[in-house]
Amino acid sequence: MKKITLLITLLLFIFSANAQSIIGKWKTIDDETGKAKSIVKIYKKGGKYYGKIVEILDPTKRKNKCTLCKDSRKDQSILGMEIIKDLEQDDDEFEDGTILDPNNGKIYDCKIWLEGKDTLKVRGYVMFFYRTQTWHRVK
């Protein structure tokens, strides 16, 4: 009986820890228009977190390239592009990374955090100026 109780406790812990993870697919919402734009997959690599655009929801924009990017992503396809890089977990927040806005080619410092298990706040900032978007988990 003790083994069953221990197993159930362990499984509940695993499922609750996984429910609070930022890893997975997220629907991005434009904070200016309120429209869904893309699906970003967040994953962990080498102890840091990254995000890649895996789907663009507007069919007319699926073949767009990042013409305004100034780094190695210049003129690369936005679909499949890694836009979040090098986030580190600090308690309930993920920070000290960067996020690229493929619409203007600018790279911002980035901080993200969960607000509930299915809502992600994504903030890009420079000094005291910032913009925060709300993304929703794709199930």
C-alpha atoms as a PDB file:
ATOM      1  CA  MET A   1       0.000   0.000   0.000  1.00  0.00           C
ATOM      2  CA  LYS A   2       2.885   2.383   0.786  1.00  0.00           C
ATOM      3  CA  LYS A   3       4.353   1.806  -2.665  1.00  0.00           C
ATOM      4  CA  ILE A   4       1.064   2.733  -4.355  1.00  0.00           C
ATOM      5  CA  THR A   5       0.724   5.885  -2.248  1.00  0.00           C
ATOM      6  CA  LEU A   6       4.313   6.849  -3.051  1.00  0.00           C
ATOM      7  CA  LEU A   7       3.750   6.226  -6.762  1.00  0.00           C
ATOM      8  CA  ILE A   8       0.567   8.336  -6.807  1.00  0.00           C
ATOM      9  CA  THR A   9       2.313  11.160  -4.932  1.00  0.00           C
ATOM     10  CA  LEU A  10       5.241  11.047  -7.355  1.00  0.00           C
ATOM     11  CA  LEU A  11       2.925  11.119 -10.409  1.00  0.00           C
ATOM     12  CA  LEU A  12       0.942  14.054  -9.007  1.00  0.00           C
ATOM     13  CA  PHE A  13       4.180  15.947  -8.412  1.00  0.00           C
ATOM     14  CA  ILE A  14       5.373  15.281 -11.965  1.00  0.00           C
ATOM     15  CA  PHE A  15       2.066  16.390 -13.508  1.00  0.00           C
ATOM     16  CA  SER A  16       1.829  19.531 -11.370  1.00  0.00           C
ATOM     17  CA  ALA A  17       5.428  20.501 -12.162  1.00  0.00           C
ATOM     18  CA  ASN A  18       4.819  19.947 -15.864  1.00  0.00           C
ATOM     19  CA  ALA A  19       1.637  22.061 -15.776  1.00  0.00           C
ATOM     20  CA  GLN A  20       3.697  25.062 -14.628  1.00  0.00           C
ATOM     21  CA  SER A  21       6.290  24.724 -17.366  1.00  0.00           C
ATOM     22  CA  ILE A  22       6.789  27.279 -20.120  1.00  0.00           C
ATOM     23  CA  ILE A  23       7.924  24.489 -22.435  1.00  0.00           C
ATOM     24  CA  GLY A  24       5.448  23.842 -25.219  1.00  0.00           C
ATOM     25  CA  LYS A  25       3.592  25.657 -27.966  1.00  0.00           C
ATOM     26  CA  TRP A  26       2.131  29.131 -27.453  1.00  0.00           C
ATOM     27  CA  LYS A  27      -0.226  31.195 -29.613  1.00  0.00           C
ATOM     28  CA  THR A  28       1.146  34.712 -29.898  1.00  0.00           C
ATOM     29  CA  ILE A  29      -1.279  37.617 -29.714  1.00  0.00           C
ATOM     30  CA  ASP A  30      -0.395  41.044 -31.092  1.00  0.00           C
ATOM     31  CA  ASP A  31      -0.770  43.496 -28.194  1.00  0.00           C
ATOM     32  CA  GLU A  32      -1.693  46.323 -30.589  1.00  0.00           C
ATOM     33  CA  THR A  33      -4.329  44.550 -32.735  1.00  0.00           C
ATOM     34  CA  GLY A  34      -5.412  41.725 -30.409  1.00  0.00           C
ATOM     35  CA  LYS A  35      -5.107  39.255 -33.313  1.00  0.00           C
ATOM     36  CA  ALA A  36      -3.404  35.871 -33.123  1.00  0.00           C
ATOM     37  CA  LYS A  37      -0.212  35.915 -35.206  1.00  0.00           C
ATOM     38  CA  SER A  38       1.773  32.726 -34.823  1.00  0.00           C
ATOM     39  CA  ILE A  39       2.623  29.642 -32.813  1.00  0.00           C
ATOM     40  CA  VAL A  40       5.943  29.699 -30.963  1.00  0.00           C
ATOM     41  CA  LYS A  41       7.480  26.538 -29.559  1.00  0.00           C
ATOM     42  CA  ILE A  42       9.469  27.139 -26.369  1.00  0.00           C
ATOM     43  CA  TYR A  43      12.072  24.527 -25.501  1.00  0.00           C
ATOM     44  CA  LYS A  44      15.043  24.038 -23.217  1.00  0.00           C
ATOM     45  CA  LYS A  45      18.550  23.574 -24.606  1.00  0.00           C
ATOM     46  CA  GLY A  46      21.736  23.492 -22.547  1.00  0.00           C
ATOM     47  CA  GLY A  47      20.024  24.823 -19.417  1.00  0.00           C
ATOM     48  CA  LYS A  48      18.519  27.848 -21.201  1.00  0.00           C
ATOM     49  CA  TYR A  49      15.177  28.447 -22.904  1.00  0.00           C
ATOM     50  CA  TYR A  50      14.564  29.274 -26.553  1.00  0.00           C
ATOM     51  CA  GLY A  51      11.535  29.971 -28.731  1.00  0.00           C
ATOM     52  CA  LYS A  52      11.030  29.232 -32.421  1.00  0.00           C
ATOM     53  CA  ILE A  53       8.174  30.235 -34.724  1.00  0.00           C
ATOM     54  CA  VAL A  54       6.655  26.943 -35.890  1.00  0.00           C
ATOM     55  CA  GLU A  55       3.489  28.300 -37.509  1.00  0.00           C
ATOM     56  CA  ILE A  56       2.360  31.617 -39.007  1.00  0.00           C
ATOM     57  CA  LEU A  57      -1.417  31.948 -38.842  1.00  0.00           C
ATOM     58  CA  ASP A  58      -1.881  34.478 -41.681  1.00  0.00           C
ATOM     59  CA  PRO A  59      -1.385  32.490 -44.916  1.00  0.00           C
ATOM     60  CA  THR A  60      -0.238  35.622 -46.772  1.00  0.00           C
ATOM     61  CA  LYS A  61       2.708  36.040 -44.376  1.00  0.00           C
ATOM     62  CA  ARG A  62       3.977  32.442 -44.245  1.00  0.00           C
ATOM     63  CA  LYS A  63       6.756  33.062 -46.767  1.00  0.00           C
ATOM     64  CA  ASN A  64       7.913  36.391 -45.274  1.00  0.00           C
ATOM     65  CA  LYS A  65      11.587  36.908 -44.540  1.00  0.00           C
ATOM     66  CA  CYS A  66      13.188  39.042 -41.861  1.00  0.00           C
ATOM     67  CA  THR A  67      14.462  41.736 -44.212  1.00  0.00           C
ATOM     68  CA  LEU A  68      15.013  44.240 -41.387  1.00  0.00           C
ATOM     69  CA  CYS A  69      17.084  41.890 -39.191  1.00  0.00           C
ATOM     70  CA  LYS A  70      20.652  43.002 -38.681  1.00  0.00           C
ATOM     71  CA  ASP A  71      22.188  39.736 -37.420  1.00  0.00           C
ATOM     72  CA  SER A  72      22.553  36.262 -38.961  1.00  0.00           C
ATOM     73  CA  ARG A  73      18.756  36.068 -39.343  1.00  0.00           C
ATOM     74  CA  LYS A  74      18.731  38.801 -42.027  1.00  0.00           C
ATOM     75  CA  ASP A  75      16.712  37.695 -45.069  1.00  0.00           C
ATOM     76  CA  GLN A  76      15.936  34.348 -43.415  1.00  0.00           C
ATOM     77  CA  SER A  77      12.445  32.886 -43.369  1.00  0.00           C
ATOM     78  CA  ILE A  78      10.451  33.985 -40.315  1.00  0.00           C
ATOM     79  CA  LEU A  79       8.789  30.567 -40.231  1.00  0.00           C
ATOM     80  CA  GLY A  80      11.203  28.349 -38.316  1.00  0.00           C
ATOM     81  CA  MET A  81      13.143  31.313 -36.934  1.00  0.00           C
ATOM     82  CA  GLU A  82      14.428  31.268 -33.363  1.00  0.00           C
ATOM     83  CA  ILE A  83      13.121  34.533 -31.897  1.00  0.00           C
ATOM     84  CA  ILE A  84      13.720  33.901 -28.173  1.00  0.00           C
ATOM     85  CA  LYS A  85      17.263  33.127 -27.050  1.00  0.00           C
ATOM     86  CA  ASP A  86      19.167  32.397 -23.849  1.00  0.00           C
ATOM     87  CA  LEU A  87      16.433  32.802 -21.223  1.00  0.00           C
ATOM     88  CA  GLU A  88      17.450  31.646 -17.757  1.00  0.00           C
ATOM     89  CA  GLN A  89      15.037  30.585 -15.054  1.00  0.00           C
ATOM     90  CA  ASP A  90      15.015  32.695 -11.895  1.00  0.00           C
ATOM     91  CA  ASP A  91      12.323  31.262  -9.621  1.00  0.00           C
ATOM     92  CA  ASP A  92       9.000  31.837 -11.435  1.00  0.00           C
ATOM     93  CA  GLU A  93      10.432  34.160 -14.098  1.00  0.00           C
ATOM     94  CA  PHE A  94      12.631  33.585 -17.101  1.00  0.00           C
ATOM     95  CA  GLU A  95      14.989  36.446 -17.916  1.00  0.00           C
ATOM     96  CA  ASP A  96      18.394  37.598 -19.152  1.00  0.00           C
ATOM     97  CA  GLY A  97      17.588  36.481 -22.693  1.00  0.00           C
ATOM     98  CA  THR A  98      16.560  38.261 -25.862  1.00  0.00           C
ATOM     99  CA  ILE A  99      13.557  38.365 -28.162  1.00  0.00           C
ATOM    100  CA  LEU A 100      13.487  39.404 -31.812  1.00  0.00           C
ATOM    101  CA  ASP A 101      10.561  41.250 -33.349  1.00  0.00           C
ATOM    102  CA  PRO A 102      10.686  40.001 -36.954  1.00  0.00           C
ATOM    103  CA  ASN A 103       8.408  42.864 -38.074  1.00  0.00           C
ATOM    104  CA  ASN A 104      11.040  45.509 -37.340  1.00  0.00           C
ATOM    105  CA  GLY A 105      14.210  43.416 -36.988  1.00  0.00           C
ATOM    106  CA  LYS A 106      14.918  44.760 -33.502  1.00  0.00           C
ATOM    107  CA  ILE A 107      16.253  42.632 -30.668  1.00  0.00           C
ATOM    108  CA  TYR A 108      15.056  43.384 -27.143  1.00  0.00           C
ATOM    109  CA  ASP A 109      15.973  42.130 -23.703  1.00  0.00           C
ATOM    110  CA  CYS A 110      13.338  39.596 -22.705  1.00  0.00           C
ATOM    111  CA  LYS A 111      11.545  38.441 -19.600  1.00  0.00           C
ATOM    112  CA  ILE A 112       8.648  35.979 -19.474  1.00  0.00           C
ATOM    113  CA  TRP A 113       6.484  34.522 -16.730  1.00  0.00           C
ATOM    114  CA  LEU A 114       3.396  32.383 -16.356  1.00  0.00           C
ATOM    115  CA  GLU A 115       0.084  33.807 -15.191  1.00  0.00           C
ATOM    116  CA  GLY A 116      -1.752  30.563 -14.639  1.00  0.00           C
ATOM    117  CA  LYS A 117      -0.792  27.367 -16.391  1.00  0.00           C
ATOM    118  CA  ASP A 118      -2.032  28.433 -19.846  1.00  0.00           C
ATOM    119  CA  THR A 119      -1.157  32.163 -19.984  1.00  0.00           C
ATOM    120  CA  LEU A 120       2.330  33.448 -20.661  1.00  0.00           C
ATOM    121  CA  LYS A 121       3.393  37.082 -20.324  1.00  0.00           C
ATOM    122  CA  VAL A 122       6.199  38.012 -22.705  1.00  0.00           C
ATOM    123  CA  ARG A 123       7.988  41.317 -22.201  1.00  0.00           C
ATOM    124  CA  GLY A 124      10.516  42.860 -24.549  1.00  0.00           C
ATOM    125  CA  TYR A 125      12.306  45.909 -23.205  1.00  0.00           C
ATOM    126  CA  VAL A 126      15.075  48.451 -23.624  1.00  0.00           C
ATOM    127  CA  MET A 127      15.996  50.294 -20.433  1.00  0.00           C
ATOM    128  CA  PHE A 128      12.716  51.615 -18.998  1.00  0.00           C
ATOM    129  CA  PHE A 129      10.646  51.162 -22.147  1.00  0.00           C
ATOM    130  CA  TYR A 130       8.825  47.874 -22.576  1.00  0.00           C
ATOM    131  CA  ARG A 131       6.016  46.093 -24.335  1.00  0.00           C
ATOM    132  CA  THR A 132       4.231  43.068 -22.910  1.00  0.00           C
ATOM    133  CA  GLN A 133       2.228  40.516 -24.838  1.00  0.00           C
ATOM    134  CA  THR A 134      -0.042  37.771 -23.570  1.00  0.00           C
ATOM    135  CA  TRP A 135       0.418  34.379 -25.210  1.00  0.00           C
ATOM    136  CA  HIS A 136      -1.880  31.375 -24.764  1.00  0.00           C
ATOM    137  CA  ARG A 137      -0.865  27.731 -24.492  1.00  0.00           C
ATOM    138  CA  VAL A 138      -1.806  25.575 -27.472  1.00  0.00           C
ATOM    139  CA  LYS A 139      -3.391  22.330 -26.352  1.00  0.00           C
END
